[in-house]
Amino acid sequence: MTGPRLVIVTGAMAAGKSTVAEALARRLPKSVHLRGDLFRRMIVNGAAPMGPVLSDEAAAQLALRHRLACDAARRYHEAGFAVVYQDILIGASLADVAERLADLEPLVVVLTAAPGVLAARDRARAKTGYGEGFPPTVLADALERDTPRVGLWLETSAMSVDAVVDAILAAMARGHGAGGA
């Protein structure tokens, strides 16, 4: 495989991160789909609520989740796996994760979609994240306003999963990492 063996996939809730990351991992030899949210789900008691405004405890738990995912990504990578790490990494969180894994030369992929598309996708799935106090514009705006422009940014509102994966594979073949697309 040419290009990076580590791909970081991020975006707002319902941007298609899980679906795209799984489809990408399935098209790579010896691969792992690392779901960052699994580290949150491991907490049995004491999980802080996540939402548009994070308490100090929620921010600390989110940072822990990202560190654990980076550690796992590194270990899989060292074992020879292509790693597709997927999580909500917005603003400084994306910069921090990209910096932690910079020596592995990851390809950062940011999936964006129009807020109306995010809302429709969210309604169509079993787990919903948006609601009256947390509309899709909160994350979409934060992504646009606060997230560093690193890697490959794809507006996926009208793209199929296969088209998104093809675009990522093309960027990987060109050897682009965290700083370019």
N, C-alpha and C. Protein backbone atom coordinates (compact mmCIF):
# COMPACT_ATOMS: atom_id res chain seq x y z
N MET A 1 0.86 -1.19 0.00
CA MET A 1 0.00 0.00 0.00
C MET A 1 0.89 1.23 0.00
N THR A 2 0.61 2.15 -0.88
CA THR A 2 1.36 3.40 -0.90
C THR A 2 0.64 4.40 -0.02
N GLY A 3 1.37 5.44 0.36
CA GLY A 3 0.76 6.49 1.16
C GLY A 3 0.65 6.09 2.61
N PRO A 4 -0.02 6.90 3.38
CA PRO A 4 -0.10 6.68 4.83
C PRO A 4 -0.81 5.38 5.19
N ARG A 5 -0.36 4.77 6.27
CA ARG A 5 -1.03 3.58 6.79
C ARG A 5 -1.91 3.97 7.97
N LEU A 6 -2.06 5.26 8.19
CA LEU A 6 -2.94 5.74 9.23
C LEU A 6 -3.81 6.84 8.64
N VAL A 7 -5.11 6.66 8.76
CA VAL A 7 -6.07 7.66 8.29
C VAL A 7 -6.92 8.06 9.49
N ILE A 8 -7.03 9.34 9.72
CA ILE A 8 -7.88 9.88 10.78
C ILE A 8 -9.11 10.46 10.09
N VAL A 9 -10.28 9.93 10.43
CA VAL A 9 -11.54 10.40 9.83
C VAL A 9 -12.34 11.13 10.89
N THR A 10 -12.69 12.37 10.61
CA THR A 10 -13.46 13.15 11.56
C THR A 10 -14.56 13.93 10.85
N GLY A 11 -15.40 14.54 11.65
CA GLY A 11 -16.51 15.34 11.16
C GLY A 11 -17.56 15.44 12.25
N ALA A 12 -18.62 16.13 11.96
CA ALA A 12 -19.73 16.26 12.92
C ALA A 12 -20.48 14.94 13.04
N MET A 13 -21.34 14.83 14.05
CA MET A 13 -22.21 13.67 14.15
C MET A 13 -23.04 13.57 12.88
N ALA A 14 -23.18 12.35 12.37
CA ALA A 14 -23.97 12.04 11.18
C ALA A 14 -23.32 12.51 9.88
N ALA A 15 -22.02 12.83 9.93
CA ALA A 15 -21.31 13.21 8.71
C ALA A 15 -20.94 11.99 7.88
N GLY A 16 -21.07 10.80 8.47
CA GLY A 16 -20.73 9.58 7.76
C GLY A 16 -19.41 8.96 8.20
N LYS A 17 -18.88 9.41 9.31
CA LYS A 17 -17.57 8.95 9.77
C LYS A 17 -17.49 7.43 9.93
N SER A 18 -18.42 6.86 10.68
CA SER A 18 -18.39 5.41 10.94
C SER A 18 -18.55 4.62 9.66
N THR A 19 -19.50 5.01 8.84
CA THR A 19 -19.78 4.29 7.60
C THR A 19 -18.59 4.36 6.66
N VAL A 20 -18.03 5.55 6.49
CA VAL A 20 -16.88 5.73 5.60
C VAL A 20 -15.66 5.01 6.15
N ALA A 21 -15.40 5.14 7.46
CA ALA A 21 -14.22 4.50 8.05
C ALA A 21 -14.29 2.98 7.91
N GLU A 22 -15.46 2.41 8.14
CA GLU A 22 -15.63 0.96 7.99
C GLU A 22 -15.43 0.54 6.53
N ALA A 23 -16.02 1.27 5.61
CA ALA A 23 -15.88 0.94 4.18
C ALA A 23 -14.42 1.08 3.73
N LEU A 24 -13.73 2.11 4.22
CA LEU A 24 -12.33 2.29 3.87
C LEU A 24 -11.49 1.15 4.43
N ALA A 25 -11.69 0.82 5.70
CA ALA A 25 -10.91 -0.26 6.32
C ALA A 25 -11.12 -1.57 5.58
N ARG A 26 -12.33 -1.82 5.12
CA ARG A 26 -12.62 -3.06 4.38
C ARG A 26 -11.89 -3.13 3.04
N ARG A 27 -11.52 -1.97 2.51
CA ARG A 27 -10.82 -1.95 1.21
C ARG A 27 -9.30 -1.94 1.36
N LEU A 28 -8.82 -1.95 2.59
CA LEU A 28 -7.37 -1.96 2.83
C LEU A 28 -6.95 -3.35 3.32
N PRO A 29 -5.78 -3.80 2.90
CA PRO A 29 -5.30 -5.08 3.42
C PRO A 29 -4.85 -4.93 4.87
N LYS A 30 -5.07 -5.95 5.68
CA LYS A 30 -4.65 -5.97 7.09
C LYS A 30 -4.96 -4.62 7.75
N SER A 31 -6.22 -4.42 8.04
CA SER A 31 -6.66 -3.10 8.51
C SER A 31 -7.49 -3.17 9.78
N VAL A 32 -7.56 -2.03 10.44
CA VAL A 32 -8.32 -1.86 11.67
C VAL A 32 -9.21 -0.63 11.53
N HIS A 33 -10.45 -0.75 11.93
CA HIS A 33 -11.33 0.42 12.06
C HIS A 33 -11.40 0.72 13.55
N LEU A 34 -10.70 1.76 13.97
CA LEU A 34 -10.62 2.15 15.37
C LEU A 34 -11.67 3.22 15.64
N ARG A 35 -12.67 2.85 16.41
CA ARG A 35 -13.78 3.76 16.73
C ARG A 35 -13.49 4.45 18.07
N GLY A 36 -13.17 5.73 18.00
CA GLY A 36 -12.81 6.46 19.21
C GLY A 36 -13.90 6.47 20.27
N ASP A 37 -15.16 6.44 19.84
CA ASP A 37 -16.26 6.50 20.80
C ASP A 37 -16.37 5.24 21.65
N LEU A 38 -15.70 4.16 21.25
CA LEU A 38 -15.73 2.94 22.08
C LEU A 38 -15.10 3.19 23.45
N PHE A 39 -14.10 4.06 23.50
CA PHE A 39 -13.46 4.34 24.78
C PHE A 39 -14.42 5.04 25.74
N ARG A 40 -15.31 5.85 25.23
CA ARG A 40 -16.34 6.47 26.08
C ARG A 40 -17.33 5.41 26.55
N ARG A 41 -17.72 4.52 25.64
CA ARG A 41 -18.71 3.50 26.00
C ARG A 41 -18.18 2.48 27.01
N MET A 42 -16.88 2.43 27.19
CA MET A 42 -16.31 1.52 28.19
C MET A 42 -16.55 2.01 29.62
N ILE A 43 -16.84 3.28 29.77
CA ILE A 43 -17.09 3.83 31.11
C ILE A 43 -18.42 3.27 31.61
N VAL A 44 -18.38 2.57 32.73
CA VAL A 44 -19.58 1.95 33.29
C VAL A 44 -20.33 2.95 34.15
N ASN A 45 -19.64 3.65 35.02
CA ASN A 45 -20.25 4.66 35.89
C ASN A 45 -19.40 5.91 35.85
N GLY A 46 -20.04 7.05 35.84
CA GLY A 46 -19.32 8.31 35.92
C GLY A 46 -19.05 9.00 34.60
N ALA A 47 -19.65 8.52 33.52
CA ALA A 47 -19.46 9.19 32.24
C ALA A 47 -20.12 10.56 32.28
N ALA A 48 -19.35 11.58 31.96
CA ALA A 48 -19.88 12.94 31.94
C ALA A 48 -20.70 13.13 30.66
N PRO A 49 -21.80 13.87 30.73
CA PRO A 49 -22.59 14.12 29.53
C PRO A 49 -21.80 14.94 28.51
N MET A 50 -21.92 14.53 27.26
CA MET A 50 -21.29 15.27 26.15
C MET A 50 -22.39 16.07 25.47
N GLY A 51 -22.08 17.26 25.07
CA GLY A 51 -23.06 18.11 24.42
C GLY A 51 -22.40 19.34 23.85
N PRO A 52 -23.19 20.33 23.51
CA PRO A 52 -22.62 21.52 22.88
C PRO A 52 -21.69 22.31 23.81
N VAL A 53 -21.91 22.20 25.11
CA VAL A 53 -21.03 22.84 26.10
C VAL A 53 -20.53 21.74 27.02
N LEU A 54 -19.21 21.61 27.12
CA LEU A 54 -18.63 20.55 27.93
C LEU A 54 -18.25 21.07 29.32
N SER A 55 -18.61 20.30 30.33
CA SER A 55 -18.13 20.59 31.68
C SER A 55 -16.64 20.28 31.72
N ASP A 56 -15.98 20.69 32.80
CA ASP A 56 -14.55 20.37 32.94
C ASP A 56 -14.35 18.86 32.93
N GLU A 57 -15.22 18.12 33.59
CA GLU A 57 -15.12 16.66 33.63
C GLU A 57 -15.34 16.05 32.25
N ALA A 58 -16.30 16.57 31.51
CA ALA A 58 -16.55 16.06 30.15
C ALA A 58 -15.35 16.33 29.25
N ALA A 59 -14.77 17.52 29.36
CA ALA A 59 -13.59 17.85 28.56
C ALA A 59 -12.42 16.93 28.92
N ALA A 60 -12.25 16.64 30.21
CA ALA A 60 -11.18 15.74 30.64
C ALA A 60 -11.41 14.33 30.11
N GLN A 61 -12.65 13.86 30.15
CA GLN A 61 -12.96 12.52 29.64
C GLN A 61 -12.78 12.45 28.13
N LEU A 62 -13.13 13.52 27.43
CA LEU A 62 -12.95 13.55 25.99
C LEU A 62 -11.46 13.51 25.63
N ALA A 63 -10.65 14.27 26.36
CA ALA A 63 -9.20 14.26 26.13
C ALA A 63 -8.63 12.87 26.42
N LEU A 64 -9.10 12.22 27.47
CA LEU A 64 -8.66 10.86 27.79
C LEU A 64 -9.01 9.91 26.65
N ARG A 65 -10.22 10.00 26.17
CA ARG A 65 -10.68 9.17 25.05
C ARG A 65 -9.76 9.33 23.85
N HIS A 66 -9.39 10.57 23.53
CA HIS A 66 -8.52 10.82 22.39
C HIS A 66 -7.12 10.26 22.62
N ARG A 67 -6.60 10.41 23.84
CA ARG A 67 -5.26 9.86 24.13
C ARG A 67 -5.27 8.34 24.03
N LEU A 68 -6.31 7.70 24.58
CA LEU A 68 -6.41 6.24 24.50
C LEU A 68 -6.50 5.77 23.05
N ALA A 69 -7.28 6.46 22.25
CA ALA A 69 -7.42 6.09 20.84
C ALA A 69 -6.09 6.27 20.11
N CYS A 70 -5.37 7.34 20.41
CA CYS A 70 -4.05 7.54 19.78
C CYS A 70 -3.10 6.42 20.17
N ASP A 71 -3.12 6.03 21.44
CA ASP A 71 -2.27 4.91 21.88
C ASP A 71 -2.63 3.63 21.14
N ALA A 72 -3.91 3.35 21.01
CA ALA A 72 -4.35 2.14 20.31
C ALA A 72 -3.97 2.21 18.82
N ALA A 73 -4.15 3.36 18.21
CA ALA A 73 -3.79 3.53 16.79
C ALA A 73 -2.30 3.26 16.60
N ARG A 74 -1.50 3.79 17.48
CA ARG A 74 -0.05 3.60 17.41
C ARG A 74 0.32 2.13 17.54
N ARG A 75 -0.30 1.42 18.48
CA ARG A 75 0.02 0.00 18.69
C ARG A 75 -0.39 -0.85 17.49
N TYR A 76 -1.57 -0.61 16.94
CA TYR A 76 -1.99 -1.34 15.73
C TYR A 76 -1.05 -1.04 14.57
N HIS A 77 -0.70 0.23 14.42
CA HIS A 77 0.21 0.64 13.34
C HIS A 77 1.55 -0.08 13.48
N GLU A 78 2.09 -0.12 14.71
CA GLU A 78 3.36 -0.80 14.96
C GLU A 78 3.29 -2.29 14.64
N ALA A 79 2.10 -2.87 14.78
CA ALA A 79 1.90 -4.29 14.49
C ALA A 79 1.68 -4.55 12.99
N GLY A 80 1.76 -3.50 12.17
CA GLY A 80 1.67 -3.68 10.73
C GLY A 80 0.28 -3.51 10.14
N PHE A 81 -0.66 -3.01 10.93
CA PHE A 81 -2.01 -2.79 10.42
C PHE A 81 -2.14 -1.40 9.81
N ALA A 82 -2.95 -1.29 8.78
CA ALA A 82 -3.42 0.01 8.32
C ALA A 82 -4.54 0.38 9.29
N VAL A 83 -4.48 1.58 9.83
CA VAL A 83 -5.44 2.01 10.85
C VAL A 83 -6.30 3.13 10.32
N VAL A 84 -7.61 2.94 10.44
CA VAL A 84 -8.57 4.00 10.13
C VAL A 84 -9.20 4.39 11.46
N TYR A 85 -8.72 5.51 12.01
CA TYR A 85 -9.18 6.00 13.32
C TYR A 85 -10.26 7.05 13.07
N GLN A 86 -11.44 6.79 13.62
CA GLN A 86 -12.61 7.64 13.40
C GLN A 86 -13.12 8.16 14.73
N ASP A 87 -13.34 9.48 14.78
CA ASP A 87 -13.85 10.09 16.00
C ASP A 87 -14.29 11.51 15.67
N ILE A 88 -15.00 12.14 16.59
CA ILE A 88 -15.33 13.55 16.45
C ILE A 88 -14.14 14.32 17.00
N LEU A 89 -13.41 14.95 16.11
CA LEU A 89 -12.22 15.73 16.47
C LEU A 89 -12.41 17.11 15.85
N ILE A 90 -12.80 18.05 16.67
CA ILE A 90 -13.11 19.39 16.18
C ILE A 90 -12.23 20.39 16.91
N GLY A 91 -11.78 21.40 16.19
CA GLY A 91 -10.96 22.45 16.78
C GLY A 91 -9.62 21.94 17.27
N ALA A 92 -9.27 22.32 18.48
CA ALA A 92 -7.97 21.96 19.05
C ALA A 92 -7.82 20.44 19.19
N SER A 93 -8.92 19.72 19.32
CA SER A 93 -8.83 18.26 19.45
C SER A 93 -8.20 17.64 18.20
N LEU A 94 -8.57 18.12 17.03
CA LEU A 94 -7.97 17.59 15.80
C LEU A 94 -6.48 17.93 15.75
N ALA A 95 -6.13 19.15 16.08
CA ALA A 95 -4.72 19.56 16.07
C ALA A 95 -3.92 18.71 17.05
N ASP A 96 -4.48 18.45 18.24
CA ASP A 96 -3.79 17.66 19.25
C ASP A 96 -3.57 16.22 18.77
N VAL A 97 -4.61 15.59 18.24
CA VAL A 97 -4.50 14.21 17.77
C VAL A 97 -3.53 14.13 16.59
N ALA A 98 -3.63 15.03 15.65
CA ALA A 98 -2.72 15.03 14.49
C ALA A 98 -1.27 15.19 14.95
N GLU A 99 -1.05 16.03 15.96
CA GLU A 99 0.30 16.23 16.49
C GLU A 99 0.79 14.98 17.21
N ARG A 100 -0.07 14.35 18.01
CA ARG A 100 0.31 13.13 18.73
C ARG A 100 0.74 12.01 17.77
N LEU A 101 0.12 11.97 16.62
CA LEU A 101 0.37 10.90 15.65
C LEU A 101 1.19 11.37 14.45
N ALA A 102 1.75 12.57 14.52
CA ALA A 102 2.45 13.16 13.36
C ALA A 102 3.58 12.29 12.85
N ASP A 103 4.29 11.61 13.73
CA ASP A 103 5.42 10.79 13.29
C ASP A 103 4.97 9.61 12.43
N LEU A 104 3.69 9.27 12.48
CA LEU A 104 3.14 8.19 11.65
C LEU A 104 2.62 8.71 10.31
N GLU A 105 2.72 10.01 10.10
CA GLU A 105 2.30 10.67 8.87
C GLU A 105 0.88 10.31 8.46
N PRO A 106 -0.08 10.61 9.33
CA PRO A 106 -1.47 10.26 9.00
C PRO A 106 -2.05 11.12 7.90
N LEU A 107 -3.02 10.56 7.22
CA LEU A 107 -3.87 11.34 6.34
C LEU A 107 -5.08 11.73 7.16
N VAL A 108 -5.29 13.03 7.35
CA VAL A 108 -6.46 13.52 8.05
C VAL A 108 -7.57 13.74 7.03
N VAL A 109 -8.74 13.19 7.30
CA VAL A 109 -9.89 13.34 6.43
C VAL A 109 -11.02 13.97 7.24
N VAL A 110 -11.49 15.13 6.80
CA VAL A 110 -12.57 15.83 7.47
C VAL A 110 -13.81 15.75 6.59
N LEU A 111 -14.84 15.09 7.09
CA LEU A 111 -16.10 14.96 6.36
C LEU A 111 -17.04 16.07 6.80
N THR A 112 -17.54 16.81 5.84
CA THR A 112 -18.51 17.86 6.14
C THR A 112 -19.78 17.57 5.37
N ALA A 113 -20.86 18.13 5.85
CA ALA A 113 -22.16 18.02 5.17
C ALA A 113 -23.01 19.20 5.63
N ALA A 114 -23.95 19.57 4.81
CA ALA A 114 -24.86 20.66 5.16
C ALA A 114 -25.65 20.29 6.41
N PRO A 115 -25.94 21.25 7.28
CA PRO A 115 -26.69 20.94 8.51
C PRO A 115 -28.01 20.19 8.26
N GLY A 116 -28.72 20.53 7.20
CA GLY A 116 -29.96 19.81 6.89
C GLY A 116 -29.71 18.35 6.57
N VAL A 117 -28.60 18.07 5.90
CA VAL A 117 -28.23 16.69 5.59
C VAL A 117 -27.84 15.96 6.87
N LEU A 118 -27.09 16.63 7.74
CA LEU A 118 -26.73 16.03 9.04
C LEU A 118 -27.98 15.68 9.83
N ALA A 119 -28.95 16.59 9.86
CA ALA A 119 -30.19 16.34 10.60
C ALA A 119 -30.95 15.15 10.02
N ALA A 120 -31.05 15.09 8.69
CA ALA A 120 -31.77 13.98 8.04
C ALA A 120 -31.07 12.65 8.29
N ARG A 121 -29.75 12.64 8.20
CA ARG A 121 -29.00 11.41 8.46
C ARG A 121 -29.17 10.98 9.90
N ASP A 122 -29.14 11.95 10.81
CA ASP A 122 -29.29 11.64 12.24
C ASP A 122 -30.65 11.02 12.52
N ARG A 123 -31.70 11.57 11.92
CA ARG A 123 -33.05 11.02 12.13
C ARG A 123 -33.17 9.61 11.57
N ALA A 124 -32.40 9.29 10.54
CA ALA A 124 -32.52 7.99 9.87
C ALA A 124 -31.73 6.87 10.55
N ARG A 125 -30.97 7.20 11.58
CA ARG A 125 -30.16 6.16 12.22
C ARG A 125 -30.71 5.80 13.59
N ALA A 126 -30.28 4.67 14.09
CA ALA A 126 -30.77 4.16 15.37
C ALA A 126 -30.36 5.06 16.53
N LYS A 127 -29.10 5.51 16.52
CA LYS A 127 -28.64 6.39 17.60
C LYS A 127 -28.72 7.83 17.12
N THR A 128 -29.45 8.63 17.82
CA THR A 128 -29.55 10.03 17.44
C THR A 128 -28.76 10.87 18.43
N GLY A 129 -28.13 11.91 17.92
CA GLY A 129 -27.32 12.76 18.77
C GLY A 129 -27.80 14.19 18.84
N TYR A 130 -28.53 14.60 17.82
CA TYR A 130 -29.00 15.98 17.78
C TYR A 130 -30.39 16.07 18.40
N GLY A 131 -30.72 17.26 18.84
CA GLY A 131 -32.04 17.51 19.42
C GLY A 131 -32.28 18.99 19.51
N GLU A 132 -33.35 19.34 20.21
CA GLU A 132 -33.75 20.74 20.31
C GLU A 132 -32.63 21.62 20.85
N GLY A 133 -31.94 21.18 21.89
CA GLY A 133 -30.87 21.98 22.47
C GLY A 133 -29.51 21.76 21.82
N PHE A 134 -29.46 20.87 20.84
CA PHE A 134 -28.19 20.54 20.21
C PHE A 134 -28.41 20.29 18.71
N PRO A 135 -28.68 21.36 17.96
CA PRO A 135 -28.92 21.19 16.52
C PRO A 135 -27.61 20.93 15.77
N PRO A 136 -27.70 20.38 14.57
CA PRO A 136 -26.50 20.07 13.79
C PRO A 136 -25.63 21.29 13.49
N THR A 137 -26.22 22.47 13.50
CA THR A 137 -25.42 23.67 13.21
C THR A 137 -24.32 23.89 14.24
N VAL A 138 -24.51 23.40 15.48
CA VAL A 138 -23.50 23.60 16.52
C VAL A 138 -22.17 22.97 16.10
N LEU A 139 -22.21 21.69 15.73
CA LEU A 139 -20.97 21.02 15.33
C LEU A 139 -20.51 21.46 13.95
N ALA A 140 -21.43 21.64 13.02
CA ALA A 140 -21.06 22.07 11.67
C ALA A 140 -20.36 23.44 11.72
N ASP A 141 -20.90 24.35 12.51
CA ASP A 141 -20.28 25.67 12.64
C ASP A 141 -18.93 25.60 13.33
N ALA A 142 -18.82 24.79 14.39
CA ALA A 142 -17.55 24.65 15.10
C ALA A 142 -16.49 24.03 14.19
N LEU A 143 -16.90 23.07 13.39
CA LEU A 143 -15.98 22.45 12.45
C LEU A 143 -15.45 23.51 11.48
N GLU A 144 -16.35 24.28 10.92
CA GLU A 144 -15.98 25.31 9.94
C GLU A 144 -15.15 26.43 10.57
N ARG A 145 -15.53 26.85 11.76
CA ARG A 145 -14.93 28.02 12.39
C ARG A 145 -13.64 27.70 13.14
N ASP A 146 -13.60 26.56 13.84
CA ASP A 146 -12.53 26.32 14.81
C ASP A 146 -11.53 25.24 14.43
N THR A 147 -11.79 24.51 13.36
CA THR A 147 -10.96 23.35 13.04
C THR A 147 -9.87 23.73 12.04
N PRO A 148 -8.62 23.37 12.36
CA PRO A 148 -7.53 23.71 11.43
C PRO A 148 -7.73 23.05 10.08
N ARG A 149 -7.34 23.74 9.03
CA ARG A 149 -7.50 23.24 7.66
C ARG A 149 -6.33 22.33 7.31
N VAL A 150 -6.37 21.13 7.88
CA VAL A 150 -5.34 20.14 7.57
C VAL A 150 -5.99 18.98 6.83
N GLY A 151 -5.23 18.32 6.00
CA GLY A 151 -5.69 17.12 5.35
C GLY A 151 -6.69 17.35 4.24
N LEU A 152 -7.49 16.32 4.03
CA LEU A 152 -8.46 16.26 2.94
C LEU A 152 -9.84 16.59 3.49
N TRP A 153 -10.44 17.67 3.02
CA TRP A 153 -11.78 18.07 3.43
C TRP A 153 -12.74 17.67 2.31
N LEU A 154 -13.74 16.90 2.66
CA LEU A 154 -14.72 16.43 1.67
C LEU A 154 -16.13 16.83 2.09
N GLU A 155 -16.83 17.56 1.23
CA GLU A 155 -18.23 17.90 1.47
C GLU A 155 -19.03 16.73 0.91
N THR A 156 -19.64 15.95 1.79
CA THR A 156 -20.23 14.66 1.41
C THR A 156 -21.74 14.67 1.25
N SER A 157 -22.35 15.83 1.30
CA SER A 157 -23.82 15.89 1.23
C SER A 157 -24.38 15.11 0.04
N ALA A 158 -23.72 15.19 -1.10
CA ALA A 158 -24.23 14.55 -2.31
C ALA A 158 -23.33 13.40 -2.78
N MET A 159 -22.42 12.95 -1.92
CA MET A 159 -21.49 11.88 -2.30
C MET A 159 -21.94 10.53 -1.74
N SER A 160 -21.73 9.48 -2.52
CA SER A 160 -21.97 8.13 -1.99
C SER A 160 -20.80 7.71 -1.13
N VAL A 161 -21.00 6.70 -0.31
CA VAL A 161 -19.92 6.19 0.52
C VAL A 161 -18.75 5.75 -0.36
N ASP A 162 -19.04 5.03 -1.44
CA ASP A 162 -17.98 4.58 -2.34
C ASP A 162 -17.20 5.75 -2.94
N ALA A 163 -17.88 6.82 -3.28
CA ALA A 163 -17.20 7.98 -3.85
C ALA A 163 -16.27 8.63 -2.82
N VAL A 164 -16.72 8.69 -1.57
CA VAL A 164 -15.89 9.25 -0.50
C VAL A 164 -14.66 8.37 -0.29
N VAL A 165 -14.86 7.06 -0.21
CA VAL A 165 -13.74 6.13 -0.03
C VAL A 165 -12.78 6.23 -1.21
N ASP A 166 -13.30 6.31 -2.42
CA ASP A 166 -12.44 6.45 -3.60
C ASP A 166 -11.57 7.72 -3.50
N ALA A 167 -12.15 8.82 -3.04
CA ALA A 167 -11.40 10.07 -2.90
C ALA A 167 -10.30 9.92 -1.84
N ILE A 168 -10.60 9.22 -0.75
CA ILE A 168 -9.59 9.00 0.28
C ILE A 168 -8.47 8.10 -0.25
N LEU A 169 -8.84 7.03 -0.93
CA LEU A 169 -7.82 6.13 -1.49
C LEU A 169 -6.94 6.86 -2.50
N ALA A 170 -7.53 7.75 -3.28
CA ALA A 170 -6.75 8.53 -4.24
C ALA A 170 -5.74 9.43 -3.51
N ALA A 171 -6.17 10.06 -2.43
CA ALA A 171 -5.27 10.90 -1.64
C ALA A 171 -4.17 10.05 -1.01
N MET A 172 -4.51 8.86 -0.54
CA MET A 172 -3.51 7.96 0.03
C MET A 172 -2.49 7.57 -1.04
N ALA A 173 -2.95 7.28 -2.25
CA ALA A 173 -2.05 6.88 -3.34
C ALA A 173 -1.10 8.01 -3.70
N ARG A 174 -1.57 9.25 -3.53
CA ARG A 174 -0.70 10.40 -3.80
C ARG A 174 0.27 10.64 -2.66
N GLY A 175 0.06 9.92 -1.54
CA GLY A 175 0.99 10.02 -0.41
C GLY A 175 0.78 11.23 0.47
N HIS A 176 -0.42 11.78 0.45
CA HIS A 176 -0.68 12.96 1.28
C HIS A 176 -0.92 12.56 2.72
N GLY A 177 -0.36 13.36 3.62
CA GLY A 177 -0.52 13.12 5.05
C GLY A 177 -1.28 14.24 5.70
N ALA A 178 -0.99 14.49 6.96
CA ALA A 178 -1.74 15.44 7.77
C ALA A 178 -1.72 16.86 7.23
N GLY A 179 -0.66 17.24 6.56
CA GLY A 179 -0.55 18.62 6.14
C GLY A 179 -1.09 18.91 4.76
N GLY A 180 -1.48 17.90 4.01
CA GLY A 180 -1.89 18.21 2.65
C GLY A 180 -3.01 17.31 2.19
N ALA A 181 -3.56 17.64 1.03
CA ALA A 181 -4.61 16.82 0.44
C ALA A 181 -4.52 16.86 -1.06
